[in-house]
Amino acid sequence: MEYFLILIGFLSLGIFLEWKFRIHIYHSRKERIVTTLTIFLIGMVWDYFATWRQHWVFPGSGLIGIHLFGLPIEEFLFFLIMPYFAITLYKIFDAKIK
């Protein structure tokens, strides 16, 4: 559950920062979908490979317990939320440094 709550915190902070600094990280709906799906697919392939090779595991402590295709639901959310948060920070810093 902790992992899920941390992700919700990052999502909330990203939405707040996007609103506070009035930035728009995507120019169109198509750009939002293509960017999100590309990062998501690359991330999931990476995660599946890394867990298959046992580079890391998800022992269950701190997880909700819902698994899809062998990975916890939090990993799917991670690759949707964290890129959004990172791009939001990048856009804020880019606007402030210029």
PDB file of N, CA and C in Angstrom:
ATOM      1  N   MET A   1       0.814  -1.199   0.000  1.00  0.00           N
ATOM      2  CA  MET A   1       0.000   0.000   0.000  1.00  0.00           C
ATOM      3  C   MET A   1       0.862   1.269   0.000  1.00  0.00           C
ATOM      4  N   GLU A   2       2.054   1.163   0.589  1.00  0.00           N
ATOM      5  CA  GLU A   2       2.932   2.337   0.663  1.00  0.00           C
ATOM      6  C   GLU A   2       3.348   2.814  -0.728  1.00  0.00           C
ATOM      7  N   TYR A   3       3.694   1.868  -1.586  1.00  0.00           N
ATOM      8  CA  TYR A   3       4.125   2.199  -2.948  1.00  0.00           C
ATOM      9  C   TYR A   3       3.002   2.954  -3.669  1.00  0.00           C
ATOM     10  N   PHE A   4       1.783   2.475  -3.548  1.00  0.00           N
ATOM     11  CA  PHE A   4       0.621   3.107  -4.166  1.00  0.00           C
ATOM     12  C   PHE A   4       0.432   4.523  -3.637  1.00  0.00           C
ATOM     13  N   LEU A   5       0.542   4.704  -2.323  1.00  0.00           N
ATOM     14  CA  LEU A   5       0.366   6.034  -1.724  1.00  0.00           C
ATOM     15  C   LEU A   5       1.457   7.003  -2.168  1.00  0.00           C
ATOM     16  N   ILE A   6       2.668   6.502  -2.308  1.00  0.00           N
ATOM     17  CA  ILE A   6       3.765   7.352  -2.803  1.00  0.00           C
ATOM     18  C   ILE A   6       3.471   7.803  -4.228  1.00  0.00           C
ATOM     19  N   LEU A   7       2.997   6.881  -5.062  1.00  0.00           N
ATOM     20  CA  LEU A   7       2.655   7.234  -6.446  1.00  0.00           C
ATOM     21  C   LEU A   7       1.528   8.257  -6.499  1.00  0.00           C
ATOM     22  N   ILE A   8       0.520   8.087  -5.657  1.00  0.00           N
ATOM     23  CA  ILE A   8      -0.585   9.054  -5.599  1.00  0.00           C
ATOM     24  C   ILE A   8      -0.063  10.421  -5.158  1.00  0.00           C
ATOM     25  N   GLY A   9       0.897  10.435  -4.246  1.00  0.00           N
ATOM     26  CA  GLY A   9       1.518  11.697  -3.819  1.00  0.00           C
ATOM     27  C   GLY A   9       2.227  12.391  -4.974  1.00  0.00           C
ATOM     28  N   PHE A  10       3.000  11.641  -5.759  1.00  0.00           N
ATOM     29  CA  PHE A  10       3.688  12.228  -6.914  1.00  0.00           C
ATOM     30  C   PHE A  10       2.697  12.713  -7.967  1.00  0.00           C
ATOM     31  N   LEU A  11       1.625  11.956  -8.183  1.00  0.00           N
ATOM     32  CA  LEU A  11       0.600  12.385  -9.143  1.00  0.00           C
ATOM     33  C   LEU A  11      -0.059  13.676  -8.674  1.00  0.00           C
ATOM     34  N   SER A  12      -0.411  13.742  -7.409  1.00  0.00           N
ATOM     35  CA  SER A  12      -1.044  14.941  -6.848  1.00  0.00           C
ATOM     36  C   SER A  12      -0.113  16.143  -6.943  1.00  0.00           C
ATOM     37  N   LEU A  13       1.154  15.930  -6.608  1.00  0.00           N
ATOM     38  CA  LEU A  13       2.124  17.024  -6.689  1.00  0.00           C
ATOM     39  C   LEU A  13       2.313  17.481  -8.135  1.00  0.00           C
ATOM     40  N   GLY A  14       2.368  16.556  -9.071  1.00  0.00           N
ATOM     41  CA  GLY A  14       2.503  16.909 -10.492  1.00  0.00           C
ATOM     42  C   GLY A  14       1.322  17.725 -10.986  1.00  0.00           C
ATOM     43  N   ILE A  15       0.107  17.301 -10.630  1.00  0.00           N
ATOM     44  CA  ILE A  15      -1.095  18.039 -11.035  1.00  0.00           C
ATOM     45  C   ILE A  15      -1.096  19.429 -10.415  1.00  0.00           C
ATOM     46  N   PHE A  16      -0.728  19.510  -9.137  1.00  0.00           N
ATOM     47  CA  PHE A  16      -0.679  20.808  -8.470  1.00  0.00           C
ATOM     48  C   PHE A  16       0.337  21.724  -9.142  1.00  0.00           C
ATOM     49  N   LEU A  17       1.534  21.221  -9.419  1.00  0.00           N
ATOM     50  CA  LEU A  17       2.577  22.047 -10.041  1.00  0.00           C
ATOM     51  C   LEU A  17       2.172  22.494 -11.446  1.00  0.00           C
ATOM     52  N   GLU A  18       1.536  21.614 -12.183  1.00  0.00           N
ATOM     53  CA  GLU A  18       1.080  21.984 -13.528  1.00  0.00           C
ATOM     54  C   GLU A  18       0.049  23.108 -13.437  1.00  0.00           C
ATOM     55  N   TRP A  19      -0.828  23.033 -12.469  1.00  0.00           N
ATOM     56  CA  TRP A  19      -1.839  24.077 -12.264  1.00  0.00           C
ATOM     57  C   TRP A  19      -1.194  25.366 -11.736  1.00  0.00           C
ATOM     58  N   LYS A  20      -0.332  25.254 -10.728  1.00  0.00           N
ATOM     59  CA  LYS A  20       0.283  26.414 -10.080  1.00  0.00           C
ATOM     60  C   LYS A  20       1.118  27.238 -11.059  1.00  0.00           C
ATOM     61  N   PHE A  21       1.896  26.563 -11.876  1.00  0.00           N
ATOM     62  CA  PHE A  21       2.782  27.274 -12.801  1.00  0.00           C
ATOM     63  C   PHE A  21       2.167  27.452 -14.186  1.00  0.00           C
ATOM     64  N   ARG A  22       0.920  27.027 -14.331  1.00  0.00           N
ATOM     65  CA  ARG A  22       0.166  27.189 -15.585  1.00  0.00           C
ATOM     66  C   ARG A  22       0.954  26.714 -16.802  1.00  0.00           C
ATOM     67  N   ILE A  23       1.452  25.502 -16.685  1.00  0.00           N
ATOM     68  CA  ILE A  23       2.186  24.928 -17.815  1.00  0.00           C
ATOM     69  C   ILE A  23       1.325  23.855 -18.466  1.00  0.00           C
ATOM     70  N   HIS A  24       1.586  23.626 -19.708  1.00  0.00           N
ATOM     71  CA  HIS A  24       0.917  22.560 -20.441  1.00  0.00           C
ATOM     72  C   HIS A  24       2.018  21.686 -21.013  1.00  0.00           C
ATOM     73  N   ILE A  25       2.098  20.466 -20.513  1.00  0.00           N
ATOM     74  CA  ILE A  25       3.228  19.631 -20.916  1.00  0.00           C
ATOM     75  C   ILE A  25       3.030  18.956 -22.262  1.00  0.00           C
ATOM     76  N   TYR A  26       1.816  18.941 -22.745  1.00  0.00           N
ATOM     77  CA  TYR A  26       1.552  18.378 -24.069  1.00  0.00           C
ATOM     78  C   TYR A  26       0.797  19.410 -24.901  1.00  0.00           C
ATOM     79  N   HIS A  27       1.054  19.399 -26.209  1.00  0.00           N
ATOM     80  CA  HIS A  27       0.409  20.362 -27.100  1.00  0.00           C
ATOM     81  C   HIS A  27      -0.913  19.856 -27.657  1.00  0.00           C
ATOM     82  N   SER A  28      -1.086  18.536 -27.651  1.00  0.00           N
ATOM     83  CA  SER A  28      -2.318  17.975 -28.204  1.00  0.00           C
ATOM     84  C   SER A  28      -2.633  16.652 -27.512  1.00  0.00           C
ATOM     85  N   ARG A  29      -3.845  16.192 -27.701  1.00  0.00           N
ATOM     86  CA  ARG A  29      -4.251  14.904 -27.139  1.00  0.00           C
ATOM     87  C   ARG A  29      -3.438  13.775 -27.761  1.00  0.00           C
ATOM     88  N   LYS A  30      -3.168  13.881 -29.075  1.00  0.00           N
ATOM     89  CA  LYS A  30      -2.377  12.861 -29.759  1.00  0.00           C
ATOM     90  C   LYS A  30      -0.974  12.771 -29.162  1.00  0.00           C
ATOM     91  N   GLU A  31      -0.351  13.919 -28.916  1.00  0.00           N
ATOM     92  CA  GLU A  31       0.987  13.936 -28.320  1.00  0.00           C
ATOM     93  C   GLU A  31       0.955  13.301 -26.932  1.00  0.00           C
ATOM     94  N   ARG A  32      -0.059  13.591 -26.146  1.00  0.00           N
ATOM     95  CA  ARG A  32      -0.192  13.021 -24.798  1.00  0.00           C
ATOM     96  C   ARG A  32      -0.297  11.493 -24.873  1.00  0.00           C
ATOM     97  N   ILE A  33      -1.125  10.991 -25.783  1.00  0.00           N
ATOM     98  CA  ILE A  33      -1.332   9.548 -25.899  1.00  0.00           C
ATOM     99  C   ILE A  33      -0.082   8.844 -26.409  1.00  0.00           C
ATOM    100  N   VAL A  34       0.520   9.379 -27.476  1.00  0.00           N
ATOM    101  CA  VAL A  34       1.700   8.740 -28.068  1.00  0.00           C
ATOM    102  C   VAL A  34       2.868   8.756 -27.082  1.00  0.00           C
ATOM    103  N   THR A  35       3.119   9.873 -26.447  1.00  0.00           N
ATOM    104  CA  THR A  35       4.219   9.970 -25.486  1.00  0.00           C
ATOM    105  C   THR A  35       4.003   9.030 -24.315  1.00  0.00           C
ATOM    106  N   THR A  36       2.804   9.058 -23.741  1.00  0.00           N
ATOM    107  CA  THR A  36       2.503   8.221 -22.589  1.00  0.00           C
ATOM    108  C   THR A  36       2.620   6.739 -22.933  1.00  0.00           C
ATOM    109  N   LEU A  37       2.052   6.329 -24.058  1.00  0.00           N
ATOM    110  CA  LEU A  37       2.114   4.916 -24.447  1.00  0.00           C
ATOM    111  C   LEU A  37       3.537   4.466 -24.763  1.00  0.00           C
ATOM    112  N   THR A  38       4.326   5.326 -25.393  1.00  0.00           N
ATOM    113  CA  THR A  38       5.706   4.970 -25.715  1.00  0.00           C
ATOM    114  C   THR A  38       6.512   4.734 -24.445  1.00  0.00           C
ATOM    115  N   ILE A  39       6.447   5.670 -23.514  1.00  0.00           N
ATOM    116  CA  ILE A  39       7.175   5.528 -22.250  1.00  0.00           C
ATOM    117  C   ILE A  39       6.660   4.316 -21.482  1.00  0.00           C
ATOM    118  N   PHE A  40       5.348   4.123 -21.463  1.00  0.00           N
ATOM    119  CA  PHE A  40       4.741   3.006 -20.756  1.00  0.00           C
ATOM    120  C   PHE A  40       5.219   1.670 -21.332  1.00  0.00           C
ATOM    121  N   LEU A  41       5.182   1.528 -22.644  1.00  0.00           N
ATOM    122  CA  LEU A  41       5.586   0.262 -23.269  1.00  0.00           C
ATOM    123  C   LEU A  41       7.068  -0.033 -23.060  1.00  0.00           C
ATOM    124  N   ILE A  42       7.917   0.968 -23.221  1.00  0.00           N
ATOM    125  CA  ILE A  42       9.352   0.776 -22.979  1.00  0.00           C
ATOM    126  C   ILE A  42       9.583   0.383 -21.525  1.00  0.00           C
ATOM    127  N   GLY A  43       8.921   1.065 -20.615  1.00  0.00           N
ATOM    128  CA  GLY A  43       9.069   0.771 -19.190  1.00  0.00           C
ATOM    129  C   GLY A  43       8.604  -0.623 -18.825  1.00  0.00           C
ATOM    130  N   MET A  44       7.497  -1.065 -19.402  1.00  0.00           N
ATOM    131  CA  MET A  44       6.977  -2.388 -19.063  1.00  0.00           C
ATOM    132  C   MET A  44       7.874  -3.482 -19.624  1.00  0.00           C
ATOM    133  N   VAL A  45       8.394  -3.293 -20.837  1.00  0.00           N
ATOM    134  CA  VAL A  45       9.337  -4.274 -21.394  1.00  0.00           C
ATOM    135  C   VAL A  45      10.567  -4.351 -20.497  1.00  0.00           C
ATOM    136  N   TRP A  46      11.065  -3.214 -20.080  1.00  0.00           N
ATOM    137  CA  TRP A  46      12.227  -3.156 -19.185  1.00  0.00           C
ATOM    138  C   TRP A  46      11.919  -3.874 -17.877  1.00  0.00           C
ATOM    139  N   ASP A  47      10.772  -3.614 -17.291  1.00  0.00           N
ATOM    140  CA  ASP A  47      10.379  -4.237 -16.026  1.00  0.00           C
ATOM    141  C   ASP A  47      10.242  -5.749 -16.162  1.00  0.00           C
ATOM    142  N   TYR A  48       9.575  -6.202 -17.221  1.00  0.00           N
ATOM    143  CA  TYR A  48       9.424  -7.635 -17.423  1.00  0.00           C
ATOM    144  C   TYR A  48      10.782  -8.315 -17.584  1.00  0.00           C
ATOM    145  N   PHE A  49      11.659  -7.701 -18.351  1.00  0.00           N
ATOM    146  CA  PHE A  49      12.994  -8.267 -18.540  1.00  0.00           C
ATOM    147  C   PHE A  49      13.759  -8.302 -17.223  1.00  0.00           C
ATOM    148  N   ALA A  50      13.717  -7.211 -16.483  1.00  0.00           N
ATOM    149  CA  ALA A  50      14.463  -7.127 -15.223  1.00  0.00           C
ATOM    150  C   ALA A  50      13.945  -8.111 -14.182  1.00  0.00           C
ATOM    151  N   THR A  51      12.643  -8.314 -14.122  1.00  0.00           N
ATOM    152  CA  THR A  51      12.115  -9.288 -13.164  1.00  0.00           C
ATOM    153  C   THR A  51      12.381 -10.718 -13.648  1.00  0.00           C
ATOM    154  N   TRP A  52      12.335 -10.939 -14.943  1.00  0.00           N
ATOM    155  CA  TRP A  52      12.647 -12.259 -15.490  1.00  0.00           C
ATOM    156  C   TRP A  52      14.095 -12.640 -15.193  1.00  0.00           C
ATOM    157  N   ARG A  53      14.999 -11.651 -15.325  1.00  0.00           N
ATOM    158  CA  ARG A  53      16.418 -11.866 -15.028  1.00  0.00           C
ATOM    159  C   ARG A  53      16.700 -11.778 -13.533  1.00  0.00           C
ATOM    160  N   GLN A  54      15.686 -11.466 -12.756  1.00  0.00           N
ATOM    161  CA  GLN A  54      15.764 -11.325 -11.295  1.00  0.00           C
ATOM    162  C   GLN A  54      16.738 -10.226 -10.867  1.00  0.00           C
ATOM    163  N   HIS A  55      16.772  -9.153 -11.657  1.00  0.00           N
ATOM    164  CA  HIS A  55      17.544  -7.979 -11.260  1.00  0.00           C
ATOM    165  C   HIS A  55      16.854  -7.292 -10.090  1.00  0.00           C
ATOM    166  N   TRP A  56      15.535  -7.384 -10.069  1.00  0.00           N
ATOM    167  CA  TRP A  56      14.762  -6.950  -8.907  1.00  0.00           C
ATOM    168  C   TRP A  56      13.494  -7.769  -8.803  1.00  0.00           C
ATOM    169  N   VAL A  57      12.949  -7.746  -7.606  1.00  0.00           N
ATOM    170  CA  VAL A  57      11.723  -8.498  -7.324  1.00  0.00           C
ATOM    171  C   VAL A  57      10.774  -7.598  -6.545  1.00  0.00           C
ATOM    172  N   PHE A  58       9.550  -8.017  -6.465  1.00  0.00           N
ATOM    173  CA  PHE A  58       8.537  -7.293  -5.713  1.00  0.00           C
ATOM    174  C   PHE A  58       8.033  -8.226  -4.619  1.00  0.00           C
ATOM    175  N   PRO A  59       8.644  -8.146  -3.437  1.00  0.00           N
ATOM    176  CA  PRO A  59       8.354  -9.128  -2.398  1.00  0.00           C
ATOM    177  C   PRO A  59       6.952  -9.049  -1.804  1.00  0.00           C
ATOM    178  N   GLY A  60       6.234  -7.985  -2.017  1.00  0.00           N
ATOM    179  CA  GLY A  60       4.860  -7.904  -1.523  1.00  0.00           C
ATOM    180  C   GLY A  60       4.689  -6.917  -0.387  1.00  0.00           C
ATOM    181  N   SER A  61       5.721  -6.687   0.371  1.00  0.00           N
ATOM    182  CA  SER A  61       5.633  -5.736   1.468  1.00  0.00           C
ATOM    183  C   SER A  61       5.460  -4.324   0.904  1.00  0.00           C
ATOM    184  N   GLY A  62       4.401  -3.660   1.279  1.00  0.00           N
ATOM    185  CA  GLY A  62       4.141  -2.309   0.804  1.00  0.00           C
ATOM    186  C   GLY A  62       3.330  -2.246  -0.474  1.00  0.00           C
ATOM    187  N   LEU A  63       2.901  -3.400  -0.984  1.00  0.00           N
ATOM    188  CA  LEU A  63       2.114  -3.437  -2.215  1.00  0.00           C
ATOM    189  C   LEU A  63       0.648  -3.707  -1.897  1.00  0.00           C
ATOM    190  N   ILE A  64      -0.215  -3.326  -2.810  1.00  0.00           N
ATOM    191  CA  ILE A  64      -1.652  -3.573  -2.648  1.00  0.00           C
ATOM    192  C   ILE A  64      -1.936  -5.068  -2.738  1.00  0.00           C
ATOM    193  N   GLY A  65      -1.252  -5.751  -3.637  1.00  0.00           N
ATOM    194  CA  GLY A  65      -1.442  -7.189  -3.802  1.00  0.00           C
ATOM    195  C   GLY A  65      -2.113  -7.578  -5.104  1.00  0.00           C
ATOM    196  N   ILE A  66      -2.465  -6.598  -5.926  1.00  0.00           N
ATOM    197  CA  ILE A  66      -3.069  -6.879  -7.229  1.00  0.00           C
ATOM    198  C   ILE A  66      -1.941  -6.995  -8.254  1.00  0.00           C
ATOM    199  N   HIS A  67      -1.924  -8.099  -8.988  1.00  0.00           N
ATOM    200  CA  HIS A  67      -0.901  -8.329 -10.008  1.00  0.00           C
ATOM    201  C   HIS A  67      -1.556  -8.485 -11.373  1.00  0.00           C
ATOM    202  N   LEU A  68      -0.936  -7.897 -12.379  1.00  0.00           N
ATOM    203  CA  LEU A  68      -1.351  -8.062 -13.776  1.00  0.00           C
ATOM    204  C   LEU A  68      -0.152  -8.603 -14.543  1.00  0.00           C
ATOM    205  N   PHE A  69      -0.344  -9.734 -15.182  1.00  0.00           N
ATOM    206  CA  PHE A  69       0.717 -10.335 -15.985  1.00  0.00           C
ATOM    207  C   PHE A  69       2.012 -10.518 -15.201  1.00  0.00           C
ATOM    208  N   GLY A  70       1.886 -10.795 -13.917  1.00  0.00           N
ATOM    209  CA  GLY A  70       3.054 -11.072 -13.084  1.00  0.00           C
ATOM    210  C   GLY A  70       3.686  -9.876 -12.404  1.00  0.00           C
ATOM    211  N   LEU A  71       3.221  -8.683 -12.696  1.00  0.00           N
ATOM    212  CA  LEU A  71       3.777  -7.486 -12.058  1.00  0.00           C
ATOM    213  C   LEU A  71       2.704  -6.826 -11.192  1.00  0.00           C
ATOM    214  N   PRO A  72       3.139  -6.200 -10.091  1.00  0.00           N
ATOM    215  CA  PRO A  72       2.152  -5.507  -9.264  1.00  0.00           C
ATOM    216  C   PRO A  72       1.558  -4.304  -9.998  1.00  0.00           C
ATOM    217  N   ILE A  73       0.322  -4.005  -9.689  1.00  0.00           N
ATOM    218  CA  ILE A  73      -0.385  -2.891 -10.335  1.00  0.00           C
ATOM    219  C   ILE A  73       0.380  -1.572 -10.155  1.00  0.00           C
ATOM    220  N   GLU A  74       1.107  -1.461  -9.066  1.00  0.00           N
ATOM    221  CA  GLU A  74       1.879  -0.242  -8.815  1.00  0.00           C
ATOM    222  C   GLU A  74       2.932   0.005  -9.884  1.00  0.00           C
ATOM    223  N   GLU A  75       3.488  -1.069 -10.460  1.00  0.00           N
ATOM    224  CA  GLU A  75       4.489  -0.891 -11.518  1.00  0.00           C
ATOM    225  C   GLU A  75       3.868  -0.306 -12.770  1.00  0.00           C
ATOM    226  N   PHE A  76       2.657  -0.709 -13.085  1.00  0.00           N
ATOM    227  CA  PHE A  76       1.962  -0.124 -14.231  1.00  0.00           C
ATOM    228  C   PHE A  76       1.697   1.361 -13.972  1.00  0.00           C
ATOM    229  N   LEU A  77       1.267   1.669 -12.759  1.00  0.00           N
ATOM    230  CA  LEU A  77       1.009   3.068 -12.401  1.00  0.00           C
ATOM    231  C   LEU A  77       2.297   3.886 -12.394  1.00  0.00           C
ATOM    232  N   PHE A  78       3.403   3.263 -11.959  1.00  0.00           N
ATOM    233  CA  PHE A  78       4.691   3.948 -11.932  1.00  0.00           C
ATOM    234  C   PHE A  78       5.038   4.504 -13.302  1.00  0.00           C
ATOM    235  N   PHE A  79       4.852   3.695 -14.347  1.00  0.00           N
ATOM    236  CA  PHE A  79       5.228   4.129 -15.690  1.00  0.00           C
ATOM    237  C   PHE A  79       4.205   5.054 -16.330  1.00  0.00           C
ATOM    238  N   LEU A  80       3.127   5.314 -15.662  1.00  0.00           N
ATOM    239  CA  LEU A  80       2.177   6.344 -16.099  1.00  0.00           C
ATOM    240  C   LEU A  80       2.385   7.639 -15.317  1.00  0.00           C
ATOM    241  N   ILE A  81       2.675   7.523 -14.032  1.00  0.00           N
ATOM    242  CA  ILE A  81       2.746   8.695 -13.151  1.00  0.00           C
ATOM    243  C   ILE A  81       4.119   9.354 -13.154  1.00  0.00           C
ATOM    244  N   MET A  82       5.176   8.585 -13.005  1.00  0.00           N
ATOM    245  CA  MET A  82       6.505   9.183 -12.849  1.00  0.00           C
ATOM    246  C   MET A  82       6.997   9.926 -14.096  1.00  0.00           C
ATOM    247  N   PRO A  83       6.760   9.438 -15.318  1.00  0.00           N
ATOM    248  CA  PRO A  83       7.144  10.247 -16.474  1.00  0.00           C
ATOM    249  C   PRO A  83       6.372  11.577 -16.526  1.00  0.00           C
ATOM    250  N   TYR A  84       5.088  11.532 -16.187  1.00  0.00           N
ATOM    251  CA  TYR A  84       4.293  12.767 -16.126  1.00  0.00           C
ATOM    252  C   TYR A  84       4.912  13.749 -15.130  1.00  0.00           C
ATOM    253  N   PHE A  85       5.268  13.246 -13.948  1.00  0.00           N
ATOM    254  CA  PHE A  85       5.855  14.094 -12.919  1.00  0.00           C
ATOM    255  C   PHE A  85       7.203  14.659 -13.388  1.00  0.00           C
ATOM    256  N   ALA A  86       8.044  13.813 -13.982  1.00  0.00           N
ATOM    257  CA  ALA A  86       9.359  14.256 -14.449  1.00  0.00           C
ATOM    258  C   ALA A  86       9.246  15.301 -15.559  1.00  0.00           C
ATOM    259  N   ILE A  87       8.342  15.085 -16.508  1.00  0.00           N
ATOM    260  CA  ILE A  87       8.156  16.052 -17.592  1.00  0.00           C
ATOM    261  C   ILE A  87       7.606  17.370 -17.041  1.00  0.00           C
ATOM    262  N   THR A  88       6.719  17.285 -16.063  1.00  0.00           N
ATOM    263  CA  THR A  88       6.188  18.498 -15.433  1.00  0.00           C
ATOM    264  C   THR A  88       7.314  19.301 -14.794  1.00  0.00           C
ATOM    265  N   LEU A  89       8.172  18.636 -14.023  1.00  0.00           N
ATOM    266  CA  LEU A  89       9.312  19.336 -13.406  1.00  0.00           C
ATOM    267  C   LEU A  89      10.235  19.932 -14.466  1.00  0.00           C
ATOM    268  N   TYR A  90      10.508  19.169 -15.513  1.00  0.00           N
ATOM    269  CA  TYR A  90      11.362  19.666 -16.583  1.00  0.00           C
ATOM    270  C   TYR A  90      10.789  20.941 -17.198  1.00  0.00           C
ATOM    271  N   LYS A  91       9.498  20.931 -17.492  1.00  0.00           N
ATOM    272  CA  LYS A  91       8.864  22.114 -18.102  1.00  0.00           C
ATOM    273  C   LYS A  91       8.925  23.324 -17.163  1.00  0.00           C
ATOM    274  N   ILE A  92       8.738  23.100 -15.868  1.00  0.00           N
ATOM    275  CA  ILE A  92       8.821  24.199 -14.899  1.00  0.00           C
ATOM    276  C   ILE A  92      10.232  24.751 -14.862  1.00  0.00           C
ATOM    277  N   PHE A  93      11.226  23.876 -14.710  1.00  0.00           N
ATOM    278  CA  PHE A  93      12.610  24.337 -14.651  1.00  0.00           C
ATOM    279  C   PHE A  93      13.037  24.997 -15.962  1.00  0.00           C
ATOM    280  N   ASP A  94      12.609  24.457 -17.079  1.00  0.00           N
ATOM    281  CA  ASP A  94      12.928  25.023 -18.386  1.00  0.00           C
ATOM    282  C   ASP A  94      12.368  26.446 -18.504  1.00  0.00           C
ATOM    283  N   ALA A  95      11.129  26.631 -18.051  1.00  0.00           N
ATOM    284  CA  ALA A  95      10.506  27.958 -18.129  1.00  0.00           C
ATOM    285  C   ALA A  95      11.178  28.949 -17.180  1.00  0.00           C
ATOM    286  N   LYS A  96      11.584  28.486 -16.016  1.00  0.00           N
ATOM    287  CA  LYS A  96      12.174  29.384 -15.007  1.00  0.00           C
ATOM    288  C   LYS A  96      13.618  29.740 -15.310  1.00  0.00           C
ATOM    289  N   ILE A  97      14.353  28.855 -15.964  1.00  0.00           N
ATOM    290  CA  ILE A  97      15.766  29.100 -16.231  1.00  0.00           C
ATOM    291  C   ILE A  97      15.948  30.020 -17.437  1.00  0.00           C
ATOM    292  N   LYS A  98      15.034  29.970 -18.394  1.00  0.00           N
ATOM    293  CA  LYS A  98      15.151  30.816 -19.596  1.00  0.00           C
ATOM    294  C   LYS A  98      15.030  32.226 -19.255  1.00  0.00           C
TER     295      LYS A  98
END
